[in-house]
PDB file of all heavy atoms in Angstrom:
ATOM      1  N   THR A   1      46.417  95.399 129.260  1.00  0.00           N
ATOM      2  CA  THR A   1      47.009  96.225 128.183  1.00  0.00           C
ATOM      3  C   THR A   1      46.057  97.326 127.760  1.00  0.00           C
ATOM      4  O   THR A   1      46.528  98.439 127.363  1.00  0.00           O
ATOM      5  CB  THR A   1      47.156  95.253 126.950  1.00  0.00           C
ATOM      6  OG1 THR A   1      48.166  94.195 127.267  1.00  0.00           O
ATOM      7  CG2 THR A   1      47.655  96.017 125.702  1.00  0.00           C
ATOM      8  N   ILE A   2      44.737  97.145 127.899  1.00  0.00           N
ATOM      9  CA  ILE A   2      43.811  98.146 127.354  1.00  0.00           C
ATOM     10  C   ILE A   2      43.045  98.932 128.427  1.00  0.00           C
ATOM     11  O   ILE A   2      43.002 100.185 128.378  1.00  0.00           O
ATOM     12  CB  ILE A   2      42.747  97.445 126.446  1.00  0.00           C
ATOM     13  CG1 ILE A   2      43.412  96.636 125.376  1.00  0.00           C
ATOM     14  CG2 ILE A   2      41.741  98.462 125.938  1.00  0.00           C
ATOM     15  CD1 ILE A   2      44.209  97.413 124.377  1.00  0.00           C
ATOM     16  N   ILE A   3      42.592  98.214 129.482  1.00  0.00           N
ATOM     17  CA  ILE A   3      41.621  98.859 130.411  1.00  0.00           C
ATOM     18  C   ILE A   3      42.248 100.023 131.227  1.00  0.00           C
ATOM     19  O   ILE A   3      41.576 101.010 131.373  1.00  0.00           O
ATOM     20  CB  ILE A   3      40.916  97.804 131.313  1.00  0.00           C
ATOM     21  CG1 ILE A   3      40.018  96.902 130.486  1.00  0.00           C
ATOM     22  CG2 ILE A   3      40.079  98.487 132.413  1.00  0.00           C
ATOM     23  CD1 ILE A   3      39.407  95.796 131.216  1.00  0.00           C
ATOM     24  N   PRO A   4      43.427  99.924 131.796  1.00  0.00           N
ATOM     25  CA  PRO A   4      43.894 101.016 132.531  1.00  0.00           C
ATOM     26  C   PRO A   4      44.010 102.367 131.674  1.00  0.00           C
ATOM     27  O   PRO A   4      43.683 103.355 132.223  1.00  0.00           O
ATOM     28  CB  PRO A   4      45.329 100.608 132.999  1.00  0.00           C
ATOM     29  CG  PRO A   4      45.174  99.160 133.063  1.00  0.00           C
ATOM     30  CD  PRO A   4      44.325  98.748 131.931  1.00  0.00           C
ATOM     31  N   MET A   5      44.424 102.198 130.474  1.00  0.00           N
ATOM     32  CA  MET A   5      44.459 103.433 129.576  1.00  0.00           C
ATOM     33  C   MET A   5      43.033 103.861 129.251  1.00  0.00           C
ATOM     34  O   MET A   5      42.778 105.081 129.168  1.00  0.00           O
ATOM     35  CB  MET A   5      45.206 103.039 128.276  1.00  0.00           C
ATOM     36  CG  MET A   5      45.285 104.278 127.335  1.00  0.00           C
ATOM     37  SD  MET A   5      46.236 103.935 125.796  1.00  0.00           S
ATOM     38  CE  MET A   5      47.878 103.710 126.452  1.00  0.00           C
ATOM     39  N   MET A   6      42.108 102.929 129.082  1.00  0.00           N
ATOM     40  CA  MET A   6      40.710 103.287 128.907  1.00  0.00           C
ATOM     41  C   MET A   6      40.186 104.077 130.026  1.00  0.00           C
ATOM     42  O   MET A   6      39.516 105.104 129.856  1.00  0.00           O
ATOM     43  CB  MET A   6      39.876 101.950 128.640  1.00  0.00           C
ATOM     44  CG  MET A   6      38.474 102.304 128.263  1.00  0.00           C
ATOM     45  SD  MET A   6      37.323 100.844 128.611  1.00  0.00           S
ATOM     46  CE  MET A   6      38.205  99.497 127.912  1.00  0.00           C
ATOM     47  N   LEU A   7      40.473 103.743 131.237  1.00  0.00           N
ATOM     48  CA  LEU A   7      40.064 104.434 132.387  1.00  0.00           C
ATOM     49  C   LEU A   7      40.634 105.840 132.397  1.00  0.00           C
ATOM     50  O   LEU A   7      39.974 106.803 132.778  1.00  0.00           O
ATOM     51  CB  LEU A   7      40.398 103.678 133.705  1.00  0.00           C
ATOM     52  CG  LEU A   7      39.709 102.348 133.951  1.00  0.00           C
ATOM     53  CD1 LEU A   7      40.335 101.629 135.138  1.00  0.00           C
ATOM     54  CD2 LEU A   7      38.242 102.512 134.152  1.00  0.00           C
ATOM     55  N   ASP A   8      41.907 105.885 132.017  1.00  0.00           N
ATOM     56  CA  ASP A   8      42.491 107.279 131.868  1.00  0.00           C
ATOM     57  C   ASP A   8      41.850 108.163 130.800  1.00  0.00           C
ATOM     58  O   ASP A   8      41.628 109.311 131.073  1.00  0.00           O
ATOM     59  CB  ASP A   8      43.934 107.102 131.531  1.00  0.00           C
ATOM     60  CG  ASP A   8      44.852 108.192 132.016  1.00  0.00           C
ATOM     61  OD1 ASP A   8      44.361 108.979 132.840  1.00  0.00           O
ATOM     62  OD2 ASP A   8      46.035 108.267 131.637  1.00  0.00           O
ATOM     63  N   VAL A   9      41.456 107.530 129.709  1.00  0.00           N
ATOM     64  CA  VAL A   9      40.706 108.277 128.714  1.00  0.00           C
ATOM     65  C   VAL A   9      39.402 108.735 129.178  1.00  0.00           C
ATOM     66  O   VAL A   9      38.920 109.908 128.908  1.00  0.00           O
ATOM     67  CB  VAL A   9      40.480 107.402 127.426  1.00  0.00           C
ATOM     68  CG1 VAL A   9      39.658 108.020 126.409  1.00  0.00           C
ATOM     69  CG2 VAL A   9      41.848 107.079 126.744  1.00  0.00           C
ATOM     70  N   ILE A  10      38.657 107.963 129.980  1.00  0.00           N
ATOM     71  CA  ILE A  10      37.387 108.319 130.531  1.00  0.00           C
ATOM     72  C   ILE A  10      37.503 109.447 131.452  1.00  0.00           C
ATOM     73  O   ILE A  10      36.723 110.430 131.324  1.00  0.00           O
ATOM     74  CB  ILE A  10      36.707 107.086 131.249  1.00  0.00           C
ATOM     75  CG1 ILE A  10      36.386 105.993 130.196  1.00  0.00           C
ATOM     76  CG2 ILE A  10      35.414 107.542 131.947  1.00  0.00           C
ATOM     77  CD1 ILE A  10      35.920 104.757 130.869  1.00  0.00           C
ATOM     78  N   VAL A  11      38.498 109.475 132.276  1.00  0.00           N
ATOM     79  CA  VAL A  11      38.633 110.561 133.285  1.00  0.00           C
ATOM     80  C   VAL A  11      39.090 111.862 132.635  1.00  0.00           C
ATOM     81  O   VAL A  11      38.563 112.965 132.878  1.00  0.00           O
ATOM     82  CB  VAL A  11      39.695 110.162 134.348  1.00  0.00           C
ATOM     83  CG1 VAL A  11      39.979 111.378 135.227  1.00  0.00           C
ATOM     84  CG2 VAL A  11      39.124 108.997 135.224  1.00  0.00           C
ATOM     85  N   LEU A  12      40.072 111.756 131.689  1.00  0.00           N
ATOM     86  CA  LEU A  12      40.622 112.962 131.000  1.00  0.00           C
ATOM     87  C   LEU A  12      39.811 113.375 129.881  1.00  0.00           C
ATOM     88  O   LEU A  12      40.063 114.505 129.383  1.00  0.00           O
ATOM     89  CB  LEU A  12      42.121 112.753 130.638  1.00  0.00           C
ATOM     90  CG  LEU A  12      43.055 112.271 131.748  1.00  0.00           C
ATOM     91  CD1 LEU A  12      44.440 111.946 131.114  1.00  0.00           C
ATOM     92  CD2 LEU A  12      43.199 113.464 132.773  1.00  0.00           C
ATOM     93  N   GLU A  13      38.913 112.542 129.401  1.00  0.00           N
ATOM     94  CA  GLU A  13      38.095 112.790 128.196  1.00  0.00           C
ATOM     95  C   GLU A  13      38.877 112.718 126.904  1.00  0.00           C
ATOM     96  O   GLU A  13      38.240 112.866 125.830  1.00  0.00           O
ATOM     97  CB  GLU A  13      37.264 114.107 128.314  1.00  0.00           C
ATOM     98  CG  GLU A  13      36.394 114.151 129.524  1.00  0.00           C
ATOM     99  CD  GLU A  13      35.524 115.415 129.576  1.00  0.00           C
ATOM    100  OE1 GLU A  13      35.570 116.208 128.579  1.00  0.00           O
ATOM    101  OE2 GLU A  13      34.756 115.589 130.539  1.00  0.00           O
ATOM    102  N   GLU A  14      40.135 112.590 127.007  1.00  0.00           N
ATOM    103  CA  GLU A  14      41.039 112.285 125.871  1.00  0.00           C
ATOM    104  C   GLU A  14      42.386 111.924 126.449  1.00  0.00           C
ATOM    105  O   GLU A  14      42.677 112.226 127.591  1.00  0.00           O
ATOM    106  CB  GLU A  14      41.100 113.483 124.922  1.00  0.00           C
ATOM    107  CG  GLU A  14      41.622 114.677 125.489  1.00  0.00           C
ATOM    108  CD  GLU A  14      41.668 115.907 124.506  1.00  0.00           C
ATOM    109  OE1 GLU A  14      40.804 115.893 123.617  1.00  0.00           O
ATOM    110  OE2 GLU A  14      42.581 116.717 124.634  1.00  0.00           O
ATOM    111  N   LYS A  15      43.144 111.249 125.648  1.00  0.00           N
ATOM    112  CA  LYS A  15      44.407 110.743 126.112  1.00  0.00           C
ATOM    113  C   LYS A  15      45.481 110.856 125.021  1.00  0.00           C
ATOM    114  O   LYS A  15      45.256 110.346 123.933  1.00  0.00           O
ATOM    115  CB  LYS A  15      44.310 109.333 126.615  1.00  0.00           C
ATOM    116  CG  LYS A  15      45.604 108.655 126.954  1.00  0.00           C
ATOM    117  CD  LYS A  15      46.203 109.105 128.249  1.00  0.00           C
ATOM    118  CE  LYS A  15      47.451 108.235 128.540  1.00  0.00           C
ATOM    119  NZ  LYS A  15      48.083 108.669 129.880  1.00  0.00           N
ATOM    120  N   ARG A  16      46.618 111.490 125.356  1.00  0.00           N
ATOM    121  CA  ARG A  16      47.736 111.520 124.394  1.00  0.00           C
ATOM    122  C   ARG A  16      48.663 110.358 124.640  1.00  0.00           C
ATOM    123  O   ARG A  16      49.066 110.006 125.771  1.00  0.00           O
ATOM    124  CB  ARG A  16      48.495 112.821 124.514  1.00  0.00           C
ATOM    125  CG  ARG A  16      47.724 114.031 124.162  1.00  0.00           C
ATOM    126  CD  ARG A  16      48.592 115.302 124.073  1.00  0.00           C
ATOM    127  NE  ARG A  16      47.750 116.487 123.702  1.00  0.00           N
ATOM    128  CZ  ARG A  16      47.532 116.766 122.399  1.00  0.00           C
ATOM    129  NH1 ARG A  16      48.070 116.113 121.466  1.00  0.00           N
ATOM    130  NH2 ARG A  16      46.810 117.832 122.085  1.00  0.00           N
ATOM    131  N   VAL A  17      49.005 109.683 123.560  1.00  0.00           N
ATOM    132  CA  VAL A  17      49.927 108.527 123.658  1.00  0.00           C
ATOM    133  C   VAL A  17      50.897 108.579 122.459  1.00  0.00           C
ATOM    134  O   VAL A  17      50.551 108.952 121.303  1.00  0.00           O
ATOM    135  CB  VAL A  17      49.124 107.175 123.520  1.00  0.00           C
ATOM    136  CG1 VAL A  17      48.245 107.138 122.285  1.00  0.00           C
ATOM    137  CG2 VAL A  17      50.003 106.003 123.653  1.00  0.00           C
ATOM    138  N   SER A  18      52.164 108.257 122.715  1.00  0.00           N
ATOM    139  CA  SER A  18      53.168 108.314 121.715  1.00  0.00           C
ATOM    140  C   SER A  18      52.962 107.273 120.665  1.00  0.00           C
ATOM    141  O   SER A  18      52.217 106.294 120.851  1.00  0.00           O
ATOM    142  CB  SER A  18      54.566 108.116 122.316  1.00  0.00           C
ATOM    143  OG  SER A  18      54.672 106.871 122.852  1.00  0.00           O
ATOM    144  N   VAL A  19      53.538 107.469 119.443  1.00  0.00           N
ATOM    145  CA  VAL A  19      53.364 106.523 118.383  1.00  0.00           C
ATOM    146  C   VAL A  19      53.901 105.182 118.786  1.00  0.00           C
ATOM    147  O   VAL A  19      53.255 104.041 118.573  1.00  0.00           O
ATOM    148  CB  VAL A  19      54.044 107.043 117.116  1.00  0.00           C
ATOM    149  CG1 VAL A  19      54.098 105.924 115.997  1.00  0.00           C
ATOM    150  CG2 VAL A  19      53.284 108.236 116.584  1.00  0.00           C
ATOM    151  N   SER A  20      55.093 105.182 119.404  1.00  0.00           N
ATOM    152  CA  SER A  20      55.712 103.935 119.879  1.00  0.00           C
ATOM    153  C   SER A  20      54.846 103.195 120.920  1.00  0.00           C
ATOM    154  O   SER A  20      54.690 101.976 120.901  1.00  0.00           O
ATOM    155  CB  SER A  20      57.150 104.208 120.356  1.00  0.00           C
ATOM    156  OG  SER A  20      57.086 105.123 121.472  1.00  0.00           O
ATOM    157  N   GLY A  21      54.295 104.038 121.835  1.00  0.00           N
ATOM    158  CA  GLY A  21      53.406 103.460 122.879  1.00  0.00           C
ATOM    159  C   GLY A  21      52.131 102.885 122.254  1.00  0.00           C
ATOM    160  O   GLY A  21      51.648 101.830 122.712  1.00  0.00           O
ATOM    161  N   CYS A  22      51.688 103.510 121.216  1.00  0.00           N
ATOM    162  CA  CYS A  22      50.468 103.053 120.542  1.00  0.00           C
ATOM    163  C   CYS A  22      50.727 101.650 119.872  1.00  0.00           C
ATOM    164  O   CYS A  22      49.988 100.730 119.894  1.00  0.00           O
ATOM    165  CB  CYS A  22      49.970 104.030 119.496  1.00  0.00           C
ATOM    166  SG  CYS A  22      48.391 103.784 118.853  1.00  0.00           S
ATOM    167  N   MET A  23      51.967 101.593 119.141  1.00  0.00           N
ATOM    168  CA  MET A  23      52.312 100.367 118.543  1.00  0.00           C
ATOM    169  C   MET A  23      52.513  99.179 119.521  1.00  0.00           C
ATOM    170  O   MET A  23      52.168  98.011 119.221  1.00  0.00           O
ATOM    171  CB  MET A  23      53.578 100.566 117.684  1.00  0.00           C
ATOM    172  CG  MET A  23      53.342 101.623 116.567  1.00  0.00           C
ATOM    173  SD  MET A  23      51.982 101.165 115.415  1.00  0.00           S
ATOM    174  CE  MET A  23      51.795 102.696 114.591  1.00  0.00           C
ATOM    175  N   VAL A  24      53.087  99.541 120.634  1.00  0.00           N
ATOM    176  CA  VAL A  24      53.337  98.465 121.647  1.00  0.00           C
ATOM    177  C   VAL A  24      51.959  97.927 122.100  1.00  0.00           C
ATOM    178  O   VAL A  24      51.816  96.661 122.303  1.00  0.00           O
ATOM    179  CB  VAL A  24      54.132  99.021 122.824  1.00  0.00           C
ATOM    180  CG1 VAL A  24      54.147  98.084 124.011  1.00  0.00           C
ATOM    181  CG2 VAL A  24      55.600  99.297 122.431  1.00  0.00           C
ATOM    182  N   GLN A  25      50.978  98.839 122.369  1.00  0.00           N
ATOM    183  CA  GLN A  25      49.710  98.447 122.843  1.00  0.00           C
ATOM    184  C   GLN A  25      48.979  97.500 121.833  1.00  0.00           C
ATOM    185  O   GLN A  25      48.416  96.549 122.088  1.00  0.00           O
ATOM    186  CB  GLN A  25      48.828  99.625 123.139  1.00  0.00           C
ATOM    187  CG  GLN A  25      47.438  99.237 123.758  1.00  0.00           C
ATOM    188  CD  GLN A  25      46.576 100.444 123.958  1.00  0.00           C
ATOM    189  OE1 GLN A  25      46.274 101.167 123.049  1.00  0.00           O
ATOM    190  NE2 GLN A  25      46.067 100.613 125.206  1.00  0.00           N
ATOM    191  N   LEU A  26      49.057  97.948 120.526  1.00  0.00           N
ATOM    192  CA  LEU A  26      48.489  97.164 119.421  1.00  0.00           C
ATOM    193  C   LEU A  26      49.083  95.820 119.376  1.00  0.00           C
ATOM    194  O   LEU A  26      48.437  94.832 119.115  1.00  0.00           O
ATOM    195  CB  LEU A  26      48.584  97.930 118.081  1.00  0.00           C
ATOM    196  CG  LEU A  26      47.985  97.286 116.862  1.00  0.00           C
ATOM    197  CD1 LEU A  26      46.452  97.108 117.077  1.00  0.00           C
ATOM    198  CD2 LEU A  26      48.286  98.106 115.636  1.00  0.00           C
ATOM    199  N   TYR A  27      50.430  95.814 119.485  1.00  0.00           N
ATOM    200  CA  TYR A  27      51.169  94.511 119.418  1.00  0.00           C
ATOM    201  C   TYR A  27      50.701  93.530 120.534  1.00  0.00           C
ATOM    202  O   TYR A  27      50.415  92.332 120.291  1.00  0.00           O
ATOM    203  CB  TYR A  27      52.704  94.783 119.504  1.00  0.00           C
ATOM    204  CG  TYR A  27      53.532  93.558 119.611  1.00  0.00           C
ATOM    205  CD1 TYR A  27      53.775  92.737 118.477  1.00  0.00           C
ATOM    206  CD2 TYR A  27      54.104  93.132 120.818  1.00  0.00           C
ATOM    207  CE1 TYR A  27      54.586  91.663 118.560  1.00  0.00           C
ATOM    208  CE2 TYR A  27      54.878  91.989 120.911  1.00  0.00           C
ATOM    209  CZ  TYR A  27      55.155  91.224 119.754  1.00  0.00           C
ATOM    210  OH  TYR A  27      55.920  90.093 119.818  1.00  0.00           O
ATOM    211  N   LEU A  28      50.676  94.116 121.733  1.00  0.00           N
ATOM    212  CA  LEU A  28      50.227  93.188 122.872  1.00  0.00           C
ATOM    213  C   LEU A  28      48.785  92.853 122.735  1.00  0.00           C
ATOM    214  O   LEU A  28      48.447  91.633 123.096  1.00  0.00           O
ATOM    215  CB  LEU A  28      50.505  93.964 124.242  1.00  0.00           C
ATOM    216  CG  LEU A  28      51.932  94.272 124.496  1.00  0.00           C
ATOM    217  CD1 LEU A  28      52.005  95.095 125.813  1.00  0.00           C
ATOM    218  CD2 LEU A  28      52.760  92.984 124.638  1.00  0.00           C
TER     219      LEU A  28
END
């Protein structure tokens, strides 16, 4: 739920995520 997006953030130095996508991640 967390680490793949974290790796994306590290590579891109920032990451855009939709509000709904953010809520789904927090829920999981």
